Amino acid sequence: MIKVCLIVGFVMLAGRLVTAICMYYELEFPTFFTDYHVVSLVILAIGIIGSEIINVRKKKGRA
């Protein structure tokens, strides 16, 4: 589940970057990624923090 959050977070981050580039050049592009930017940051943070916790546990032999 953590890896899914990480992947979804990165996809939404890429979508926000594409939206920002399109807005800069005044091109029409859906605002879906900018409308949900807080949600995508939370999902990405959960994925990153969860991945780090799992990596630490694997190094200590507890996972």
PDB file of N, CA and C in Angstrom:
ATOM      1  N   MET A   1       0.817  -1.190   0.000  1.00  0.00           N
ATOM      2  CA  MET A   1       0.000   0.000   0.000  1.00  0.00           C
ATOM      3  C   MET A   1       0.864   1.259   0.000  1.00  0.00           C
ATOM      4  N   ILE A   2       1.976   1.198   0.697  1.00  0.00           N
ATOM      5  CA  ILE A   2       2.870   2.357   0.777  1.00  0.00           C
ATOM      6  C   ILE A   2       3.445   2.672  -0.600  1.00  0.00           C
ATOM      7  N   LYS A   3       3.839   1.654  -1.337  1.00  0.00           N
ATOM      8  CA  LYS A   3       4.394   1.887  -2.673  1.00  0.00           C
ATOM      9  C   LYS A   3       3.342   2.465  -3.616  1.00  0.00           C
ATOM     10  N   VAL A   4       2.090   2.061  -3.443  1.00  0.00           N
ATOM     11  CA  VAL A   4       1.005   2.611  -4.259  1.00  0.00           C
ATOM     12  C   VAL A   4       0.848   4.100  -3.972  1.00  0.00           C
ATOM     13  N   CYS A   5       0.893   4.476  -2.694  1.00  0.00           N
ATOM     14  CA  CYS A   5       0.801   5.897  -2.333  1.00  0.00           C
ATOM     15  C   CYS A   5       1.956   6.685  -2.928  1.00  0.00           C
ATOM     16  N   LEU A   6       3.132   6.108  -2.899  1.00  0.00           N
ATOM     17  CA  LEU A   6       4.303   6.770  -3.455  1.00  0.00           C
ATOM     18  C   LEU A   6       4.153   6.977  -4.960  1.00  0.00           C
ATOM     19  N   ILE A   7       3.705   5.963  -5.661  1.00  0.00           N
ATOM     20  CA  ILE A   7       3.539   6.069  -7.116  1.00  0.00           C
ATOM     21  C   ILE A   7       2.442   7.068  -7.468  1.00  0.00           C
ATOM     22  N   VAL A   8       1.313   6.997  -6.780  1.00  0.00           N
ATOM     23  CA  VAL A   8       0.210   7.933  -7.037  1.00  0.00           C
ATOM     24  C   VAL A   8       0.659   9.362  -6.739  1.00  0.00           C
ATOM     25  N   GLY A   9       1.394   9.538  -5.657  1.00  0.00           N
ATOM     26  CA  GLY A   9       1.905  10.866  -5.311  1.00  0.00           C
ATOM     27  C   GLY A   9       2.826  11.429  -6.380  1.00  0.00           C
ATOM     28  N   PHE A  10       3.716  10.596  -6.916  1.00  0.00           N
ATOM     29  CA  PHE A  10       4.623  11.056  -7.972  1.00  0.00           C
ATOM     30  C   PHE A  10       3.864  11.367  -9.267  1.00  0.00           C
ATOM     31  N   VAL A  11       2.855  10.575  -9.577  1.00  0.00           N
ATOM     32  CA  VAL A  11       2.053  10.840 -10.778  1.00  0.00           C
ATOM     33  C   VAL A  11       1.326  12.173 -10.643  1.00  0.00           C
ATOM     34  N   MET A  12       0.761  12.412  -9.463  1.00  0.00           N
ATOM     35  CA  MET A  12       0.060  13.673  -9.259  1.00  0.00           C
ATOM     36  C   MET A  12       1.028  14.858  -9.234  1.00  0.00           C
ATOM     37  N   LEU A  13       2.241  14.642  -8.727  1.00  0.00           N
ATOM     38  CA  LEU A  13       3.261  15.685  -8.765  1.00  0.00           C
ATOM     39  C   LEU A  13       3.626  16.023 -10.203  1.00  0.00           C
ATOM     40  N   ALA A  14       3.805  15.007 -11.022  1.00  0.00           N
ATOM     41  CA  ALA A  14       4.108  15.235 -12.444  1.00  0.00           C
ATOM     42  C   ALA A  14       2.948  15.963 -13.124  1.00  0.00           C
ATOM     43  N   GLY A  15       1.735  15.602 -12.777  1.00  0.00           N
ATOM     44  CA  GLY A  15       0.571  16.284 -13.340  1.00  0.00           C
ATOM     45  C   GLY A  15       0.525  17.749 -12.950  1.00  0.00           C
ATOM     46  N   ARG A  16       0.881  18.049 -11.699  1.00  0.00           N
ATOM     47  CA  ARG A  16       0.916  19.450 -11.272  1.00  0.00           C
ATOM     48  C   ARG A  16       1.992  20.220 -12.017  1.00  0.00           C
ATOM     49  N   LEU A  17       3.131  19.591 -12.272  1.00  0.00           N
ATOM     50  CA  LEU A  17       4.196  20.258 -13.027  1.00  0.00           C
ATOM     51  C   LEU A  17       3.759  20.545 -14.458  1.00  0.00           C
ATOM     52  N   VAL A  18       3.105  19.581 -15.091  1.00  0.00           N
ATOM     53  CA  VAL A  18       2.615  19.784 -16.457  1.00  0.00           C
ATOM     54  C   VAL A  18       1.566  20.895 -16.473  1.00  0.00           C
ATOM     55  N   THR A  19       0.686  20.903 -15.472  1.00  0.00           N
ATOM     56  CA  THR A  19      -0.329  21.952 -15.388  1.00  0.00           C
ATOM     57  C   THR A  19       0.324  23.322 -15.219  1.00  0.00           C
ATOM     58  N   ALA A  20       1.336  23.402 -14.380  1.00  0.00           N
ATOM     59  CA  ALA A  20       2.020  24.678 -14.166  1.00  0.00           C
ATOM     60  C   ALA A  20       2.699  25.167 -15.441  1.00  0.00           C
ATOM     61  N   ILE A  21       3.313  24.253 -16.171  1.00  0.00           N
ATOM     62  CA  ILE A  21       3.965  24.627 -17.431  1.00  0.00           C
ATOM     63  C   ILE A  21       2.926  25.115 -18.434  1.00  0.00           C
ATOM     64  N   CYS A  22       1.818  24.412 -18.532  1.00  0.00           N
ATOM     65  CA  CYS A  22       0.757  24.828 -19.461  1.00  0.00           C
ATOM     66  C   CYS A  22       0.161  26.175 -19.063  1.00  0.00           C
ATOM     67  N   MET A  23      -0.003  26.403 -17.761  1.00  0.00           N
ATOM     68  CA  MET A  23      -0.536  27.684 -17.316  1.00  0.00           C
ATOM     69  C   MET A  23       0.458  28.815 -17.618  1.00  0.00           C
ATOM     70  N   TYR A  24       1.750  28.539 -17.494  1.00  0.00           N
ATOM     71  CA  TYR A  24       2.777  29.535 -17.780  1.00  0.00           C
ATOM     72  C   TYR A  24       2.725  29.961 -19.248  1.00  0.00           C
ATOM     73  N   TYR A  25       2.548  29.000 -20.138  1.00  0.00           N
ATOM     74  CA  TYR A  25       2.480  29.293 -21.574  1.00  0.00           C
ATOM     75  C   TYR A  25       1.059  29.590 -22.037  1.00  0.00           C
ATOM     76  N   GLU A  26       0.128  29.728 -21.085  1.00  0.00           N
ATOM     77  CA  GLU A  26      -1.265  30.064 -21.352  1.00  0.00           C
ATOM     78  C   GLU A  26      -1.938  29.069 -22.298  1.00  0.00           C
ATOM     79  N   LEU A  27      -1.640  27.786 -22.102  1.00  0.00           N
ATOM     80  CA  LEU A  27      -2.275  26.717 -22.870  1.00  0.00           C
ATOM     81  C   LEU A  27      -3.441  26.157 -22.064  1.00  0.00           C
ATOM     82  N   GLU A  28      -4.465  25.741 -22.748  1.00  0.00           N
ATOM     83  CA  GLU A  28      -5.615  25.138 -22.068  1.00  0.00           C
ATOM     84  C   GLU A  28      -5.225  23.746 -21.553  1.00  0.00           C
ATOM     85  N   PHE A  29      -5.497  23.513 -20.284  1.00  0.00           N
ATOM     86  CA  PHE A  29      -5.206  22.221 -19.671  1.00  0.00           C
ATOM     87  C   PHE A  29      -6.131  22.070 -18.474  1.00  0.00           C
ATOM     88  N   PRO A  30      -6.635  20.860 -18.212  1.00  0.00           N
ATOM     89  CA  PRO A  30      -7.533  20.674 -17.054  1.00  0.00           C
ATOM     90  C   PRO A  30      -6.834  21.062 -15.745  1.00  0.00           C
ATOM     91  N   THR A  31      -7.602  21.599 -14.824  1.00  0.00           N
ATOM     92  CA  THR A  31      -7.032  22.039 -13.543  1.00  0.00           C
ATOM     93  C   THR A  31      -7.167  20.981 -12.451  1.00  0.00           C
ATOM     94  N   PHE A  32      -7.368  19.745 -12.834  1.00  0.00           N
ATOM     95  CA  PHE A  32      -7.556  18.674 -11.854  1.00  0.00           C
ATOM     96  C   PHE A  32      -6.400  18.612 -10.865  1.00  0.00           C
ATOM     97  N   PHE A  33      -5.172  18.681 -11.357  1.00  0.00           N
ATOM     98  CA  PHE A  33      -4.012  18.509 -10.487  1.00  0.00           C
ATOM     99  C   PHE A  33      -3.798  19.695  -9.560  1.00  0.00           C
ATOM    100  N   THR A  34      -4.161  20.889 -10.000  1.00  0.00           N
ATOM    101  CA  THR A  34      -4.030  22.040  -9.101  1.00  0.00           C
ATOM    102  C   THR A  34      -5.183  22.096  -8.117  1.00  0.00           C
ATOM    103  N   ASP A  35      -6.346  21.561  -8.480  1.00  0.00           N
ATOM    104  CA  ASP A  35      -7.484  21.535  -7.562  1.00  0.00           C
ATOM    105  C   ASP A  35      -7.231  20.611  -6.380  1.00  0.00           C
ATOM    106  N   TYR A  36      -6.463  19.563  -6.584  1.00  0.00           N
ATOM    107  CA  TYR A  36      -6.206  18.572  -5.534  1.00  0.00           C
ATOM    108  C   TYR A  36      -4.739  18.551  -5.117  1.00  0.00           C
ATOM    109  N   HIS A  37      -4.079  19.701  -5.099  1.00  0.00           N
ATOM    110  CA  HIS A  37      -2.651  19.726  -4.804  1.00  0.00           C
ATOM    111  C   HIS A  37      -2.338  19.347  -3.355  1.00  0.00           C
ATOM    112  N   VAL A  38      -3.180  19.697  -2.413  1.00  0.00           N
ATOM    113  CA  VAL A  38      -2.934  19.338  -1.017  1.00  0.00           C
ATOM    114  C   VAL A  38      -3.060  17.827  -0.832  1.00  0.00           C
ATOM    115  N   VAL A  39      -4.063  17.245  -1.445  1.00  0.00           N
ATOM    116  CA  VAL A  39      -4.267  15.797  -1.347  1.00  0.00           C
ATOM    117  C   VAL A  39      -3.075  15.048  -1.939  1.00  0.00           C
ATOM    118  N   SER A  40      -2.583  15.506  -3.087  1.00  0.00           N
ATOM    119  CA  SER A  40      -1.460  14.813  -3.712  1.00  0.00           C
ATOM    120  C   SER A  40      -0.197  14.933  -2.871  1.00  0.00           C
ATOM    121  N   LEU A  41       0.003  16.077  -2.212  1.00  0.00           N
ATOM    122  CA  LEU A  41       1.169  16.224  -1.334  1.00  0.00           C
ATOM    123  C   LEU A  41       1.071  15.306  -0.123  1.00  0.00           C
ATOM    124  N   VAL A  42      -0.123  15.144   0.421  1.00  0.00           N
ATOM    125  CA  VAL A  42      -0.322  14.249   1.567  1.00  0.00           C
ATOM    126  C   VAL A  42      -0.059  12.797   1.160  1.00  0.00           C
ATOM    127  N   ILE A  43      -0.584  12.403   0.006  1.00  0.00           N
ATOM    128  CA  ILE A  43      -0.362  11.029  -0.480  1.00  0.00           C
ATOM    129  C   ILE A  43       1.124  10.780  -0.714  1.00  0.00           C
ATOM    130  N   LEU A  44       1.811  11.754  -1.310  1.00  0.00           N
ATOM    131  CA  LEU A  44       3.245  11.613  -1.556  1.00  0.00           C
ATOM    132  C   LEU A  44       4.006  11.532  -0.237  1.00  0.00           C
ATOM    133  N   ALA A  45       3.646  12.354   0.733  1.00  0.00           N
ATOM    134  CA  ALA A  45       4.317  12.331   2.037  1.00  0.00           C
ATOM    135  C   ALA A  45       4.110  10.987   2.738  1.00  0.00           C
ATOM    136  N   ILE A  46       2.893  10.451   2.676  1.00  0.00           N
ATOM    137  CA  ILE A  46       2.627   9.140   3.280  1.00  0.00           C
ATOM    138  C   ILE A  46       3.491   8.074   2.620  1.00  0.00           C
ATOM    139  N   GLY A  47       3.591   8.124   1.300  1.00  0.00           N
ATOM    140  CA  GLY A  47       4.409   7.151   0.582  1.00  0.00           C
ATOM    141  C   GLY A  47       5.878   7.243   0.940  1.00  0.00           C
ATOM    142  N   ILE A  48       6.404   8.468   1.023  1.00  0.00           N
ATOM    143  CA  ILE A  48       7.825   8.650   1.340  1.00  0.00           C
ATOM    144  C   ILE A  48       8.119   8.236   2.774  1.00  0.00           C
ATOM    145  N   ILE A  49       7.301   8.686   3.709  1.00  0.00           N
ATOM    146  CA  ILE A  49       7.523   8.339   5.115  1.00  0.00           C
ATOM    147  C   ILE A  49       7.362   6.839   5.337  1.00  0.00           C
ATOM    148  N   GLY A  50       6.355   6.249   4.742  1.00  0.00           N
ATOM    149  CA  GLY A  50       6.156   4.804   4.875  1.00  0.00           C
ATOM    150  C   GLY A  50       7.305   4.002   4.287  1.00  0.00           C
ATOM    151  N   SER A  51       7.811   4.429   3.147  1.00  0.00           N
ATOM    152  CA  SER A  51       8.950   3.736   2.525  1.00  0.00           C
ATOM    153  C   SER A  51      10.180   3.811   3.407  1.00  0.00           C
ATOM    154  N   GLU A  52      10.419   4.972   4.001  1.00  0.00           N
ATOM    155  CA  GLU A  52      11.575   5.123   4.888  1.00  0.00           C
ATOM    156  C   GLU A  52      11.435   4.252   6.132  1.00  0.00           C
ATOM    157  N   ILE A  53      10.239   4.186   6.697  1.00  0.00           N
ATOM    158  CA  ILE A  53      10.023   3.346   7.880  1.00  0.00           C
ATOM    159  C   ILE A  53      10.253   1.882   7.546  1.00  0.00           C
ATOM    160  N   ILE A  54       9.754   1.445   6.404  1.00  0.00           N
ATOM    161  CA  ILE A  54       9.947   0.048   5.998  1.00  0.00           C
ATOM    162  C   ILE A  54      11.422  -0.241   5.755  1.00  0.00           C
ATOM    163  N   ASN A  55      12.146   0.700   5.124  1.00  0.00           N
ATOM    164  CA  ASN A  55      13.584   0.498   4.884  1.00  0.00           C
ATOM    165  C   ASN A  55      14.361   0.413   6.180  1.00  0.00           C
ATOM    166  N   VAL A  56      14.030   1.229   7.161  1.00  0.00           N
ATOM    167  CA  VAL A  56      14.711   1.190   8.455  1.00  0.00           C
ATOM    168  C   VAL A  56      14.448  -0.133   9.148  1.00  0.00           C
ATOM    169  N   ARG A  57      13.203  -0.590   9.100  1.00  0.00           N
ATOM    170  CA  ARG A  57      12.876  -1.876   9.725  1.00  0.00           C
ATOM    171  C   ARG A  57      13.582  -3.040   9.045  1.00  0.00           C
ATOM    172  N   LYS A  58      13.721  -2.970   7.718  1.00  0.00           N
ATOM    173  CA  LYS A  58      14.421  -4.040   7.007  1.00  0.00           C
ATOM    174  C   LYS A  58      15.891  -4.067   7.405  1.00  0.00           C
ATOM    175  N   LYS A  59      16.490  -2.897   7.573  1.00  0.00           N
ATOM    176  CA  LYS A  59      17.891  -2.832   7.962  1.00  0.00           C
ATOM    177  C   LYS A  59      18.107  -3.391   9.356  1.00  0.00           C
ATOM    178  N   LYS A  60      17.125  -3.206  10.240  1.00  0.00           N
ATOM    179  CA  LYS A  60      17.233  -3.712  11.605  1.00  0.00           C
ATOM    180  C   LYS A  60      16.775  -5.154  11.715  1.00  0.00           C
ATOM    181  N   GLY A  61      16.185  -5.692  10.643  1.00  0.00           N
ATOM    182  CA  GLY A  61      15.740  -7.079  10.632  1.00  0.00           C
ATOM    183  C   GLY A  61      14.387  -7.301  11.266  1.00  0.00           C
ATOM    184  N   ARG A  62      13.553  -6.259  11.343  1.00  0.00           N
ATOM    185  CA  ARG A  62      12.248  -6.401  11.988  1.00  0.00           C
ATOM    186  C   ARG A  62      11.099  -6.492  11.007  1.00  0.00           C
ATOM    187  N   ALA A  63      11.361  -6.431   9.732  1.00  0.00           N
ATOM    188  CA  ALA A  63      10.247  -6.468   8.771  1.00  0.00           C
ATOM    189  C   ALA A  63      10.265  -7.732   7.968  1.00  0.00           C
TER     190      ALA A  63
END
